[in-house]
C-alpha atoms as a PDB file:
ATOM      1  CA  MET A   1     -30.035 -36.358 -65.282  1.00  0.00           C
ATOM      2  CA  PHE A   2     -31.162 -35.569 -61.707  1.00  0.00           C
ATOM      3  CA  VAL A   3     -28.371 -37.616 -60.288  1.00  0.00           C
ATOM      4  CA  LEU A   4     -25.769 -36.041 -62.312  1.00  0.00           C
ATOM      5  CA  LEU A   5     -27.144 -32.350 -61.203  1.00  0.00           C
ATOM      6  CA  SER A   6     -27.240 -33.658 -57.659  1.00  0.00           C
ATOM      7  CA  MET A   7     -23.737 -34.666 -57.984  1.00  0.00           C
ATOM      8  CA  SER A   8     -22.440 -31.568 -59.421  1.00  0.00           C
ATOM      9  CA  ARG A   9     -24.199 -29.662 -57.032  1.00  0.00           C
ATOM     10  CA  ALA A  10     -22.338 -31.708 -54.294  1.00  0.00           C
ATOM     11  CA  VAL A  11     -18.778 -31.015 -55.892  1.00  0.00           C
ATOM     12  CA  ALA A  12     -19.392 -27.626 -56.188  1.00  0.00           C
ATOM     13  CA  ALA A  13     -20.554 -27.238 -52.504  1.00  0.00           C
ATOM     14  CA  GLN A  14     -17.635 -29.387 -51.433  1.00  0.00           C
ATOM     15  CA  GLU A  15     -14.946 -27.069 -53.478  1.00  0.00           C
ATOM     16  CA  ALA A  16     -16.859 -24.113 -51.928  1.00  0.00           C
ATOM     17  CA  ASN A  17     -16.115 -25.360 -48.442  1.00  0.00           C
ATOM     18  CA  VAL A  18     -12.569 -25.857 -49.346  1.00  0.00           C
ATOM     19  CA  ASP A  19     -12.231 -22.659 -50.681  1.00  0.00           C
ATOM     20  CA  GLY A  20     -13.788 -21.022 -47.405  1.00  0.00           C
ATOM     21  CA  GLN A  21     -11.394 -23.002 -45.294  1.00  0.00           C
ATOM     22  CA  THR A  22      -8.559 -21.913 -47.229  1.00  0.00           C
ATOM     23  CA  GLU A  23      -9.776 -18.282 -46.954  1.00  0.00           C
ATOM     24  CA  ALA A  24     -10.259 -18.504 -43.258  1.00  0.00           C
ATOM     25  CA  ALA A  25      -6.675 -20.298 -42.747  1.00  0.00           C
ATOM     26  CA  ALA A  26      -5.111 -17.364 -44.976  1.00  0.00           C
ATOM     27  CA  THR A  27      -7.082 -14.627 -42.804  1.00  0.00           C
ATOM     28  CA  ALA A  28      -5.747 -16.574 -39.279  1.00  0.00           C
ATOM     29  CA  ASP A  29      -2.220 -16.470 -40.637  1.00  0.00           C
ATOM     30  CA  ALA A  30      -2.524 -12.679 -41.440  1.00  0.00           C
ATOM     31  CA  GLU A  31      -4.010 -12.039 -38.039  1.00  0.00           C
ATOM     32  CA  ALA A  32      -1.130 -14.296 -36.413  1.00  0.00           C
ATOM     33  CA  ASP A  33       1.590 -12.295 -38.506  1.00  0.00           C
ATOM     34  CA  ALA A  34       0.146  -8.912 -37.402  1.00  0.00           C
ATOM     35  CA  ARG A  35       0.154  -9.907 -33.743  1.00  0.00           C
ATOM     36  CA  THR A  36       3.950 -11.174 -34.192  1.00  0.00           C
ATOM     37  CA  GLU A  37       4.928  -8.045 -35.486  1.00  0.00           C
ATOM     38  CA  GLU A  38       2.830  -5.800 -32.802  1.00  0.00           C
ATOM     39  CA  ALA A  39       4.616  -8.146 -30.303  1.00  0.00           C
ATOM     40  CA  ARG A  40       7.890  -7.475 -31.932  1.00  0.00           C
ATOM     41  CA  ALA A  41       7.692  -3.864 -31.737  1.00  0.00           C
ATOM     42  CA  LEU A  42       6.527  -3.579 -28.155  1.00  0.00           C
ATOM     43  CA  PHE A  43       9.421  -6.086 -27.316  1.00  0.00           C
ATOM     44  CA  GLU A  44      12.018  -3.741 -28.876  1.00  0.00           C
ATOM     45  CA  GLU A  45      10.219  -0.711 -26.953  1.00  0.00           C
ATOM     46  CA  GLY A  46      10.548  -2.673 -23.856  1.00  0.00           C
ATOM     47  CA  LEU A  47      14.361  -3.331 -24.207  1.00  0.00           C
ATOM     48  CA  GLY A  48      14.805   0.395 -24.953  1.00  0.00           C
ATOM     49  CA  LEU A  49      13.041   1.285 -21.877  1.00  0.00           C
ATOM     50  CA  ALA A  50      14.822  -1.034 -19.778  1.00  0.00           C
ATOM     51  CA  ALA A  51      18.143   0.152 -20.931  1.00  0.00           C
ATOM     52  CA  GLU A  52      17.153   3.648 -19.767  1.00  0.00           C
ATOM     53  CA  GLU A  53      16.457   1.849 -16.435  1.00  0.00           C
ATOM     54  CA  ARG A  54      12.579   2.713 -16.631  1.00  0.00           C
ATOM     55  CA  PHE A  55      11.525  -0.667 -15.636  1.00  0.00           C
ATOM     56  CA  GLU A  56       7.953   0.227 -14.972  1.00  0.00           C
ATOM     57  CA  GLU A  57       7.366   1.360 -18.521  1.00  0.00           C
ATOM     58  CA  ALA A  58       9.187  -1.367 -19.839  1.00  0.00           C
ATOM     59  CA  ALA A  59       7.537  -3.968 -17.950  1.00  0.00           C
ATOM     60  CA  GLU A  60       4.172  -2.723 -19.427  1.00  0.00           C
ATOM     61  CA  ARG A  61       5.425  -3.184 -22.894  1.00  0.00           C
ATOM     62  CA  PHE A  62       6.758  -6.598 -22.112  1.00  0.00           C
ATOM     63  CA  ARG A  63       3.402  -7.536 -20.713  1.00  0.00           C
ATOM     64  CA  ARG A  64       1.597  -6.454 -23.604  1.00  0.00           C
ATOM     65  CA  ALA A  65       3.927  -8.262 -25.898  1.00  0.00           C
ATOM     66  CA  TYR A  66       3.456 -11.413 -23.798  1.00  0.00           C
ATOM     67  CA  GLN A  67      -0.052 -11.249 -24.134  1.00  0.00           C
ATOM     68  CA  LEU A  68       0.152 -11.195 -27.863  1.00  0.00           C
ATOM     69  CA  ARG A  69       2.964 -13.833 -28.264  1.00  0.00           C
ATOM     70  CA  PRO A  70       3.847 -15.978 -24.895  1.00  0.00           C
ATOM     71  CA  ALA A  71       7.088 -16.699 -25.613  1.00  0.00           C
ATOM     72  CA  SER A  72      10.089 -17.542 -23.221  1.00  0.00           C
ATOM     73  CA  PRO A  73      12.306 -14.638 -23.956  1.00  0.00           C
ATOM     74  CA  ILE A  74       9.533 -12.262 -23.641  1.00  0.00           C
ATOM     75  CA  ALA A  75       8.581 -13.697 -20.259  1.00  0.00           C
ATOM     76  CA  PHE A  76      12.104 -13.574 -19.060  1.00  0.00           C
ATOM     77  CA  ASN A  77      12.390  -9.743 -19.738  1.00  0.00           C
ATOM     78  CA  LEU A  78       9.074  -9.393 -18.167  1.00  0.00           C
ATOM     79  CA  GLY A  79      10.261 -11.163 -15.001  1.00  0.00           C
ATOM     80  CA  ASN A  80      13.560  -9.301 -14.981  1.00  0.00           C
ATOM     81  CA  ALA A  81      11.908  -5.792 -15.243  1.00  0.00           C
ATOM     82  CA  LEU A  82       9.259  -6.495 -12.641  1.00  0.00           C
ATOM     83  CA  VAL A  83      11.929  -7.484 -10.310  1.00  0.00           C
ATOM     84  CA  GLU A  84      14.050  -4.592 -11.146  1.00  0.00           C
ATOM     85  CA  GLY A  85      11.082  -2.046 -10.404  1.00  0.00           C
ATOM     86  CA  GLY A  86      10.559  -3.826  -7.020  1.00  0.00           C
ATOM     87  CA  HIS A  87       7.718  -6.243  -7.800  1.00  0.00           C
ATOM     88  CA  LEU A  88       9.738  -9.084  -6.846  1.00  0.00           C
ATOM     89  CA  VAL A  89       6.754 -11.387  -5.933  1.00  0.00           C
ATOM     90  CA  GLU A  90       5.341 -11.179  -9.526  1.00  0.00           C
ATOM     91  CA  GLY A  91       8.700 -10.928 -11.250  1.00  0.00           C
ATOM     92  CA  THR A  92      10.033 -14.241  -9.706  1.00  0.00           C
ATOM     93  CA  GLU A  93       6.634 -15.986 -10.226  1.00  0.00           C
ATOM     94  CA  MET A  94       6.998 -15.040 -14.089  1.00  0.00           C
ATOM     95  CA  LEU A  95      10.951 -16.033 -14.101  1.00  0.00           C
ATOM     96  CA  ARG A  96      10.030 -19.432 -12.530  1.00  0.00           C
ATOM     97  CA  GLN A  97       7.621 -20.228 -15.588  1.00  0.00           C
ATOM     98  CA  VAL A  98      10.740 -19.479 -17.641  1.00  0.00           C
ATOM     99  CA  ALA A  99      13.286 -21.746 -15.282  1.00  0.00           C
ATOM    100  CA  ARG A 100      10.863 -24.664 -15.602  1.00  0.00           C
ATOM    101  CA  ASP A 101      10.023 -24.239 -19.682  1.00  0.00           C
ATOM    102  CA  PRO A 102      11.301 -27.608 -21.318  1.00  0.00           C
ATOM    103  CA  ASN A 103      11.254 -25.408 -24.838  1.00  0.00           C
ATOM    104  CA  GLY A 104      13.415 -22.591 -23.649  1.00  0.00           C
ATOM    105  CA  SER A 105      17.202 -22.717 -23.995  1.00  0.00           C
ATOM    106  CA  SER A 106      19.227 -23.796 -21.057  1.00  0.00           C
ATOM    107  CA  ASP A 107      21.237 -20.551 -20.905  1.00  0.00           C
ATOM    108  CA  LEU A 108      17.719 -18.443 -20.452  1.00  0.00           C
ATOM    109  CA  ARG A 109      16.788 -21.022 -17.813  1.00  0.00           C
ATOM    110  CA  GLU A 110      19.656 -20.629 -15.997  1.00  0.00           C
ATOM    111  CA  ARG A 111      19.548 -16.825 -16.171  1.00  0.00           C
ATOM    112  CA  ALA A 112      16.104 -17.128 -14.930  1.00  0.00           C
ATOM    113  CA  GLN A 113      16.682 -19.036 -11.836  1.00  0.00           C
ATOM    114  CA  TRP A 114      19.998 -16.817 -10.740  1.00  0.00           C
ATOM    115  CA  ILE A 115      17.681 -13.932 -10.781  1.00  0.00           C
ATOM    116  CA  ILE A 116      15.162 -15.696  -8.618  1.00  0.00           C
ATOM    117  CA  ASP A 117      17.881 -16.854  -6.038  1.00  0.00           C
ATOM    118  CA  ASN A 118      18.955 -13.208  -5.679  1.00  0.00           C
ATOM    119  CA  ALA A 119      15.499 -11.898  -5.522  1.00  0.00           C
ATOM    120  CA  GLU A 120      14.120 -14.383  -3.174  1.00  0.00           C
ATOM    121  CA  SER A 121      16.004 -13.167  -0.093  1.00  0.00           C
ATOM    122  CA  ARG A 122      14.632  -9.693  -0.414  1.00  0.00           C
ATOM    123  CA  ILE A 123      10.833 -10.883  -0.554  1.00  0.00           C
ATOM    124  CA  GLY A 124       9.197 -10.221   2.554  1.00  0.00           C
ATOM    125  CA  SER A 125       5.921 -11.251   4.034  1.00  0.00           C
ATOM    126  CA  ILE A 126       2.659 -10.270   5.645  1.00  0.00           C
ATOM    127  CA  VAL A 127       0.014 -11.593   7.944  1.00  0.00           C
ATOM    128  CA  VAL A 128      -3.375 -10.180   7.898  1.00  0.00           C
ATOM    129  CA  GLN A 129      -5.567 -11.055  10.721  1.00  0.00           C
ATOM    130  CA  VAL A 130      -9.025 -10.190   9.935  1.00  0.00           C
ATOM    131  CA  THR A 131     -11.981 -10.149  12.651  1.00  0.00           C
ATOM    132  CA  GLY A 132     -15.617  -8.677  13.063  1.00  0.00           C
ATOM    133  CA  HIS A 133     -18.473  -9.189  10.489  1.00  0.00           C
ATOM    134  CA  LEU A 134     -17.239 -10.853   7.752  1.00  0.00           C
ATOM    135  CA  ASP A 135     -20.308 -11.574   5.443  1.00  0.00           C
ATOM    136  CA  ASP A 136     -19.869 -10.419   1.788  1.00  0.00           C
ATOM    137  CA  VAL A 137     -16.291  -9.056   2.756  1.00  0.00           C
ATOM    138  CA  VAL A 138     -13.365  -9.136   0.484  1.00  0.00           C
ATOM    139  CA  VAL A 139     -10.183  -8.514   1.433  1.00  0.00           C
ATOM    140  CA  ASP A 140      -6.988  -7.347  -0.911  1.00  0.00           C
ATOM    141  CA  VAL A 141      -3.396  -6.996  -0.222  1.00  0.00           C
ATOM    142  CA  ALA A 142      -1.855  -4.721  -2.795  1.00  0.00           C
ATOM    143  CA  GLY A 143      -4.758  -5.094  -4.969  1.00  0.00           C
ATOM    144  CA  ALA A 144      -4.815  -8.752  -5.042  1.00  0.00           C
ATOM    145  CA  SER A 145      -7.540 -10.654  -3.553  1.00  0.00           C
ATOM    146  CA  LEU A 146      -6.781 -12.696  -0.316  1.00  0.00           C
ATOM    147  CA  ALA A 147      -8.541 -16.021   0.174  1.00  0.00           C
ATOM    148  CA  PRO A 148     -10.245 -16.421   3.596  1.00  0.00           C
ATOM    149  CA  ALA A 149      -7.994 -19.449   4.070  1.00  0.00           C
ATOM    150  CA  SER A 150      -4.953 -17.209   4.051  1.00  0.00           C
ATOM    151  CA  TYR A 151      -6.386 -14.889   7.070  1.00  0.00           C
ATOM    152  CA  GLY A 152      -3.613 -15.369   9.824  1.00  0.00           C
ATOM    153  CA  VAL A 153      -1.207 -16.954   7.502  1.00  0.00           C
ATOM    154  CA  PRO A 154       2.253 -15.688   6.000  1.00  0.00           C
ATOM    155  CA  ILE A 155       2.186 -14.537   2.560  1.00  0.00           C
ATOM    156  CA  SER A 156       4.720 -13.414   0.311  1.00  0.00           C
ATOM    157  CA  ALA A 157       4.745  -9.206  -0.320  1.00  0.00           C
ATOM    158  CA  ASP A 158       7.189  -7.033  -1.900  1.00  0.00           C
ATOM    159  CA  PRO A 159       9.117  -4.941   0.554  1.00  0.00           C
ATOM    160  CA  GLY A 160       7.743  -1.206   1.071  1.00  0.00           C
ATOM    161  CA  PRO A 161       4.348   0.262   1.938  1.00  0.00           C
ATOM    162  CA  THR A 162       1.621  -2.348   1.571  1.00  0.00           C
ATOM    163  CA  GLU A 163      -2.078  -1.106   1.404  1.00  0.00           C
ATOM    164  CA  VAL A 164      -4.435  -3.761   3.044  1.00  0.00           C
ATOM    165  CA  ASN A 165      -8.283  -3.322   2.597  1.00  0.00           C
ATOM    166  CA  ALA A 166     -11.571  -4.944   3.498  1.00  0.00           C
ATOM    167  CA  ARG A 167     -14.436  -4.442   1.050  1.00  0.00           C
ATOM    168  CA  ARG A 168     -18.203  -5.132   1.140  1.00  0.00           C
ATOM    169  CA  GLY A 169     -19.453  -4.483  -2.375  1.00  0.00           C
ATOM    170  CA  ALA A 170     -17.831  -1.221  -3.570  1.00  0.00           C
ATOM    171  CA  GLU A 171     -17.510   0.448   0.208  1.00  0.00           C
ATOM    172  CA  THR A 172     -14.251   0.046   1.809  1.00  0.00           C
ATOM    173  CA  VAL A 173     -15.097  -0.928   5.376  1.00  0.00           C
ATOM    174  CA  ALA A 174     -11.643  -1.292   7.071  1.00  0.00           C
ATOM    175  CA  SER A 175      -8.101  -0.286   5.871  1.00  0.00           C
ATOM    176  CA  ALA A 176      -4.630  -0.285   6.929  1.00  0.00           C
ATOM    177  CA  THR A 177      -1.115   0.310   5.747  1.00  0.00           C
ATOM    178  CA  ALA A 178       1.781  -2.182   6.663  1.00  0.00           C
ATOM    179  CA  ASP A 179       5.407  -1.385   5.939  1.00  0.00           C
ATOM    180  CA  VAL A 180       6.921  -4.509   4.974  1.00  0.00           C
ATOM    181  CA  PRO A 181      10.666  -5.058   5.509  1.00  0.00           C
ATOM    182  CA  GLU A 182      13.005  -6.520   3.102  1.00  0.00           C
ATOM    183  CA  GLY A 183      13.275 -10.105   3.934  1.00  0.00           C
ATOM    184  CA  GLY A 184      11.229  -9.695   7.093  1.00  0.00           C
ATOM    185  CA  GLN A 185       7.729 -10.169   8.216  1.00  0.00           C
ATOM    186  CA  VAL A 186       4.890  -7.722   9.537  1.00  0.00           C
ATOM    187  CA  GLU A 187       1.369  -8.230  10.886  1.00  0.00           C
ATOM    188  CA  VAL A 188      -1.855  -6.312  10.400  1.00  0.00           C
ATOM    189  CA  SER A 189      -5.247  -6.577  12.058  1.00  0.00           C
ATOM    190  CA  LEU A 190      -8.432  -5.451  10.249  1.00  0.00           C
ATOM    191  CA  ASP A 191     -11.724  -5.209  12.282  1.00  0.00           C
ATOM    192  CA  VAL A 192     -14.546  -5.108  10.171  1.00  0.00           C
ATOM    193  CA  PRO A 193     -17.657  -3.402  11.203  1.00  0.00           C
ATOM    194  CA  ALA A 194     -21.137  -4.665  11.002  1.00  0.00           C
ATOM    195  CA  PRO A 195     -23.229  -3.410   7.900  1.00  0.00           C
ATOM    196  CA  LEU A 196     -25.442  -0.239   8.563  1.00  0.00           C
ATOM    197  CA  ASP A 197     -28.490  -2.258   8.135  1.00  0.00           C
ATOM    198  CA  ASP A 198     -27.569  -4.472  11.175  1.00  0.00           C
ATOM    199  CA  VAL A 199     -26.945  -1.836  13.627  1.00  0.00           C
ATOM    200  CA  ALA A 200     -29.860  -0.940  15.613  1.00  0.00           C
ATOM    201  CA  LEU A 201     -30.710   2.985  15.430  1.00  0.00           C
ATOM    202  CA  LEU A 202     -31.605   3.985  18.985  1.00  0.00           C
ATOM    203  CA  PRO A 203     -34.204   6.759  19.284  1.00  0.00           C
ATOM    204  CA  ILE A 204     -32.736  10.111  19.988  1.00  0.00           C
ATOM    205  CA  GLU A 205     -34.288  11.711  23.095  1.00  0.00           C
ATOM    206  CA  ALA A 206     -34.032  15.485  23.521  1.00  0.00           C
ATOM    207  CA  PRO A 207     -32.115  16.449  27.049  1.00  0.00           C
ATOM    208  CA  ALA A 208     -34.802  16.900  29.884  1.00  0.00           C
ATOM    209  CA  ASP A 209     -35.434  20.469  30.997  1.00  0.00           C
ATOM    210  CA  GLU A 210     -35.399  20.917  34.573  1.00  0.00           C
ATOM    211  CA  GLY A 211     -37.414  23.813  34.508  1.00  0.00           C
ATOM    212  CA  ALA A 212     -40.329  22.193  32.461  1.00  0.00           C
ATOM    213  CA  SER A 213     -42.728  19.626  33.250  1.00  0.00           C
ATOM    214  CA  ALA A 214     -45.412  17.574  31.359  1.00  0.00           C
ATOM    215  CA  ASP A 215     -48.169  19.474  33.096  1.00  0.00           C
ATOM    216  CA  GLY A 216     -47.440  23.076  31.637  1.00  0.00           C
ATOM    217  CA  GLY A 217     -43.798  23.562  32.551  1.00  0.00           C
ATOM    218  CA  VAL A 218     -42.943  25.937  35.278  1.00  0.00           C
ATOM    219  CA  LEU A 219     -46.274  27.547  35.240  1.00  0.00           C
ATOM    220  CA  GLY A 220     -47.606  23.768  36.444  1.00  0.00           C
ATOM    221  CA  LYS A 221     -45.343  23.667  39.656  1.00  0.00           C
ATOM    222  CA  TRP A 222     -47.123  24.147  43.043  1.00  0.00           C
ATOM    223  CA  TRP A 223     -44.474  25.610  44.574  1.00  0.00           C
ATOM    224  CA  PHE A 224     -44.491  28.539  41.575  1.00  0.00           C
ATOM    225  CA  TRP A 225     -48.380  29.227  42.552  1.00  0.00           C
ATOM    226  CA  THR A 226     -47.578  29.236  46.062  1.00  0.00           C
ATOM    227  CA  ALA A 227     -44.997  31.640  45.742  1.00  0.00           C
ATOM    228  CA  VAL A 228     -47.120  33.766  43.764  1.00  0.00           C
ATOM    229  CA  GLY A 229     -49.846  33.582  46.182  1.00  0.00           C
ATOM    230  CA  ALA A 230     -47.363  34.571  48.723  1.00  0.00           C
ATOM    231  CA  VAL A 231     -46.418  37.423  46.866  1.00  0.00           C
ATOM    232  CA  VAL A 232     -49.843  38.646  45.790  1.00  0.00           C
ATOM    233  CA  VAL A 233     -50.948  38.173  49.373  1.00  0.00           C
ATOM    234  CA  GLY A 234     -47.623  40.276  50.393  1.00  0.00           C
ATOM    235  CA  VAL A 235     -48.298  43.022  47.959  1.00  0.00           C
ATOM    236  CA  VAL A 236     -52.090  43.233  49.193  1.00  0.00           C
ATOM    237  CA  ILE A 237     -50.909  43.723  52.600  1.00  0.00           C
ATOM    238  CA  ALA A 238     -48.249  46.484  51.739  1.00  0.00           C
ATOM    239  CA  ALA A 239     -50.979  48.288  49.738  1.00  0.00           C
ATOM    240  CA  LEU A 240     -53.202  48.098  53.038  1.00  0.00           C
ATOM    241  CA  VAL A 241     -50.407  49.244  55.055  1.00  0.00           C
ATOM    242  CA  VAL A 242     -49.252  51.905  52.477  1.00  0.00           C
ATOM    243  CA  SER A 243     -52.979  52.949  52.326  1.00  0.00           C
ATOM    244  CA  THR A 244     -53.651  53.178  56.079  1.00  0.00           C
ATOM    245  CA  SER A 245     -50.572  55.144  56.658  1.00  0.00           C
ATOM    246  CA  SER A 246     -51.349  57.377  53.740  1.00  0.00           C
ATOM    247  CA  SER A 247     -54.719  57.901  55.397  1.00  0.00           C
ATOM    248  CA  ASN A 248     -53.287  58.885  58.750  1.00  0.00           C
ATOM    249  CA  THR A 249     -50.628  61.041  57.376  1.00  0.00           C
ATOM    250  CA  GLU A 250     -53.182  62.926  55.400  1.00  0.00           C
ATOM    251  CA  GLY A 251     -55.535  63.360  58.352  1.00  0.00           C
ATOM    252  CA  SER A 252     -52.402  64.468  60.620  1.00  0.00           C
ATOM    253  CA  LEU A 253     -51.566  67.192  57.859  1.00  0.00           C
ATOM    254  CA  GLY A 254     -55.060  68.342  57.706  1.00  0.00           C
ATOM    255  CA  SER A 255     -55.626  68.670  61.292  1.00  0.00           C
ATOM    256  CA  GLY A 256     -52.535  70.687  61.441  1.00  0.00           C
ATOM    257  CA  MET A 257     -53.331  72.722  58.399  1.00  0.00           C
ATOM    258  CA  LEU A 258     -56.688  73.593  59.704  1.00  0.00           C
ATOM    259  CA  GLN A 259     -55.028  74.618  63.265  1.00  0.00           C
END
């Protein structure tokens, strides 16, 4: 009885496991179908926007569709919209995936290669020279990180104004804007300053006052007291002279008056 009960329990557990797997598979299929429908809707929106030459918006729809369903037709339209919108580097990179996809149609591969051939001659390049204090510094070109091994080396860039930044943590410590010519090359130099913690802060001294001294300022100068002494003596002498003159005058007037 115990054996039969155990076997019954084992069979029930196996059936429950099968049912669970079936339910999980059904859920996965439903989720896949939902993703496919969403990708299809985004793809259709992208086609409509591209027909209106709103390539930035079209590329955004195609990108979201590709994330949901990475298929060659979506990749082709994404790459084409990027190229038409001026993002030649990213667009041709996406189209190369289509051109190399053995599962894609030959017609799609040929069309992708044709767009690549026409766009490549328009792609420019930029050389970024970086000097200074580079510890913990990350350099990016048009928002994409640049590996230190690529400093001083020509890298592909879309034609037009291109932002080059050097960051230390969240702080931008050096930046420049390069105007990349279509099919040409431009060079940019960034000189990265040292972190503030490494800069020696010199003490700030107040400017010296020529009229002051450590022994009491102008009142402590020997020449000041000599001059004051001379003035005092002069005043005393002048006082004596005036006093004497006054006495003589008063005497004379007195004599005259008595007479």
